[in-house]
C-alpha atoms as a PDB file:
ATOM      1  CA  MET A   1       0.040   0.008  -0.022  1.00  0.00           C
ATOM      2  CA  LEU A   2       2.872   2.335   0.822  1.00  0.00           C
ATOM      3  CA  ASP A   3       4.382   1.649  -2.601  1.00  0.00           C
ATOM      4  CA  ARG A   4       1.226   3.174  -4.149  1.00  0.00           C
ATOM      5  CA  LEU A   5       1.238   6.060  -1.794  1.00  0.00           C
ATOM      6  CA  MET A   6       4.954   7.031  -2.097  1.00  0.00           C
ATOM      7  CA  PRO A   7       4.822   8.624  -5.600  1.00  0.00           C
ATOM      8  CA  LEU A   8       2.102  10.896  -4.425  1.00  0.00           C
ATOM      9  CA  LEU A   9       4.221  12.425  -1.576  1.00  0.00           C
ATOM     10  CA  PRO A  10       6.643  15.300  -2.019  1.00  0.00           C
ATOM     11  CA  PRO A  11      10.260  14.206  -2.324  1.00  0.00           C
ATOM     12  CA  GLY A  12      11.346  15.615   1.084  1.00  0.00           C
ATOM     13  CA  LEU A  13       8.624  13.671   2.881  1.00  0.00           C
ATOM     14  CA  ARG A  14       9.591  10.514   0.888  1.00  0.00           C
ATOM     15  CA  GLU A  15      13.224  10.754   2.104  1.00  0.00           C
ATOM     16  CA  ARG A  16      12.132  11.355   5.652  1.00  0.00           C
ATOM     17  CA  LEU A  17       9.862   8.407   5.678  1.00  0.00           C
ATOM     18  CA  ARG A  18      12.509   6.148   4.128  1.00  0.00           C
ATOM     19  CA  ALA A  19      15.015   7.277   6.777  1.00  0.00           C
ATOM     20  CA  LEU A  20      12.428   6.566   9.461  1.00  0.00           C
ATOM     21  CA  ALA A  21      11.695   3.127   8.065  1.00  0.00           C
ATOM     22  CA  ALA A  22      15.400   2.270   7.985  1.00  0.00           C
ATOM     23  CA  ARG A  23      15.776   3.078  11.618  1.00  0.00           C
ATOM     24  CA  TRP A  24      12.564   1.337  12.703  1.00  0.00           C
ATOM     25  CA  PRO A  25      13.278  -2.058  14.259  1.00  0.00           C
ATOM     26  CA  LEU A  26      11.814  -5.015  12.444  1.00  0.00           C
ATOM     27  CA  ARG A  27       9.445  -7.404  14.377  1.00  0.00           C
ATOM     28  CA  PRO A  28      11.097 -10.766  14.878  1.00  0.00           C
ATOM     29  CA  ALA A  29       9.341 -13.572  13.009  1.00  0.00           C
ATOM     30  CA  ALA A  30       6.996 -15.571  15.077  1.00  0.00           C
ATOM     31  CA  PRO A  31       8.198 -19.091  15.779  1.00  0.00           C
ATOM     32  CA  ALA A  32       6.575 -21.595  13.554  1.00  0.00           C
ATOM     33  CA  SER A  33       5.230 -23.936  16.197  1.00  0.00           C
ATOM     34  CA  ASP A  34       1.943 -25.523  17.125  1.00  0.00           C
ATOM     35  CA  PRO A  35      -0.641 -23.144  18.493  1.00  0.00           C
ATOM     36  CA  THR A  36      -0.653 -22.788  22.238  1.00  0.00           C
ATOM     37  CA  ILE A  37      -3.158 -25.050  23.986  1.00  0.00           C
ATOM     38  CA  LEU A  38      -4.249 -23.847  27.347  1.00  0.00           C
ATOM     39  CA  PRO A  39      -3.712 -26.417  30.119  1.00  0.00           C
ATOM     40  CA  GLY A  40      -6.984 -27.999  31.346  1.00  0.00           C
ATOM     41  CA  LEU A  41      -8.740 -27.257  28.034  1.00  0.00           C
ATOM     42  CA  ASP A  42     -10.517 -30.367  26.610  1.00  0.00           C
ATOM     43  CA  LEU A  43     -10.132 -30.435  22.915  1.00  0.00           C
ATOM     44  CA  ARG A  44     -12.571 -33.227  22.292  1.00  0.00           C
ATOM     45  CA  PRO A  45     -15.940 -32.171  20.789  1.00  0.00           C
ATOM     46  CA  GLY A  46     -18.813 -32.098  23.201  1.00  0.00           C
ATOM     47  CA  PRO A  47     -21.722 -34.608  23.147  1.00  0.00           C
ATOM     48  CA  MET A  48     -24.303 -34.083  20.356  1.00  0.00           C
ATOM     49  CA  PRO A  49     -27.792 -33.610  21.280  1.00  0.00           C
ATOM     50  CA  PRO A  50     -29.915 -36.816  20.796  1.00  0.00           C
ATOM     51  CA  LEU A  51     -31.913 -36.877  17.587  1.00  0.00           C
ATOM     52  CA  HIS A  52     -35.536 -37.050  18.159  1.00  0.00           C
ATOM     53  CA  PRO A  53     -38.228 -37.662  15.422  1.00  0.00           C
ATOM     54  CA  PRO A  54     -40.534 -34.594  14.703  1.00  0.00           C
ATOM     55  CA  ALA A  55     -43.352 -34.079  17.261  1.00  0.00           C
ATOM     56  CA  ALA A  56     -45.991 -34.544  14.597  1.00  0.00           C
ATOM     57  CA  ILE A  57     -45.590 -35.661  10.944  1.00  0.00           C
ATOM     58  CA  ASN A  58     -48.313 -33.945   8.902  1.00  0.00           C
ATOM     59  CA  ASP A  59     -48.598 -35.718   5.467  1.00  0.00           C
ATOM     60  CA  ASN A  60     -51.433 -33.523   4.368  1.00  0.00           C
ATOM     61  CA  PRO A  61     -50.924 -29.868   5.548  1.00  0.00           C
ATOM     62  CA  LEU A  62     -54.214 -28.778   4.015  1.00  0.00           C
ATOM     63  CA  GLN A  63     -56.118 -31.285   6.030  1.00  0.00           C
ATOM     64  CA  ALA A  64     -56.045 -29.128   9.113  1.00  0.00           C
ATOM     65  CA  VAL A  65     -57.453 -26.182   7.027  1.00  0.00           C
ATOM     66  CA  HIS A  66     -60.170 -28.498   5.638  1.00  0.00           C
ATOM     67  CA  ASP A  67     -61.106 -29.640   9.101  1.00  0.00           C
ATOM     68  CA  ALA A  68     -61.260 -26.013  10.411  1.00  0.00           C
ATOM     69  CA  VAL A  69     -63.455 -24.946   7.581  1.00  0.00           C
ATOM     70  CA  GLU A  70     -65.719 -27.892   7.981  1.00  0.00           C
ATOM     71  CA  ARG A  71     -66.103 -27.220  11.737  1.00  0.00           C
ATOM     72  CA  GLY A  72     -66.954 -23.612  10.978  1.00  0.00           C
ATOM     73  CA  LEU A  73     -69.579 -24.528   8.347  1.00  0.00           C
ATOM     74  CA  ARG A  74     -71.185 -27.095  10.672  1.00  0.00           C
ATOM     75  CA  ALA A  75     -71.214 -24.557  13.577  1.00  0.00           C
ATOM     76  CA  SER A  76     -72.909 -21.963  11.354  1.00  0.00           C
ATOM     77  CA  GLY A  77     -75.503 -24.438  10.150  1.00  0.00           C
ATOM     78  CA  HIS A  78     -74.467 -24.361   6.459  1.00  0.00           C
ATOM     79  CA  LEU A  79     -73.227 -27.985   6.542  1.00  0.00           C
ATOM     80  CA  ARG A  80     -75.094 -30.789   8.273  1.00  0.00           C
END
């Protein structure tokens, strides 16, 4: 990103930034090791919840609507 920004800066500022970057200490590379595991942390996955079948299996979802309409018509006297 700085490579794209540098040409837009005035030459004096570019030189100051380069001098500052040359004096700036570099970060040491992180050691390539396994990630730290906290002591006492269990890495095994937890138990899965039991699988239960659905509470009700409705093969005909319109049947409930049909029954409600039929009850309403019977209650109002339009269907005997």
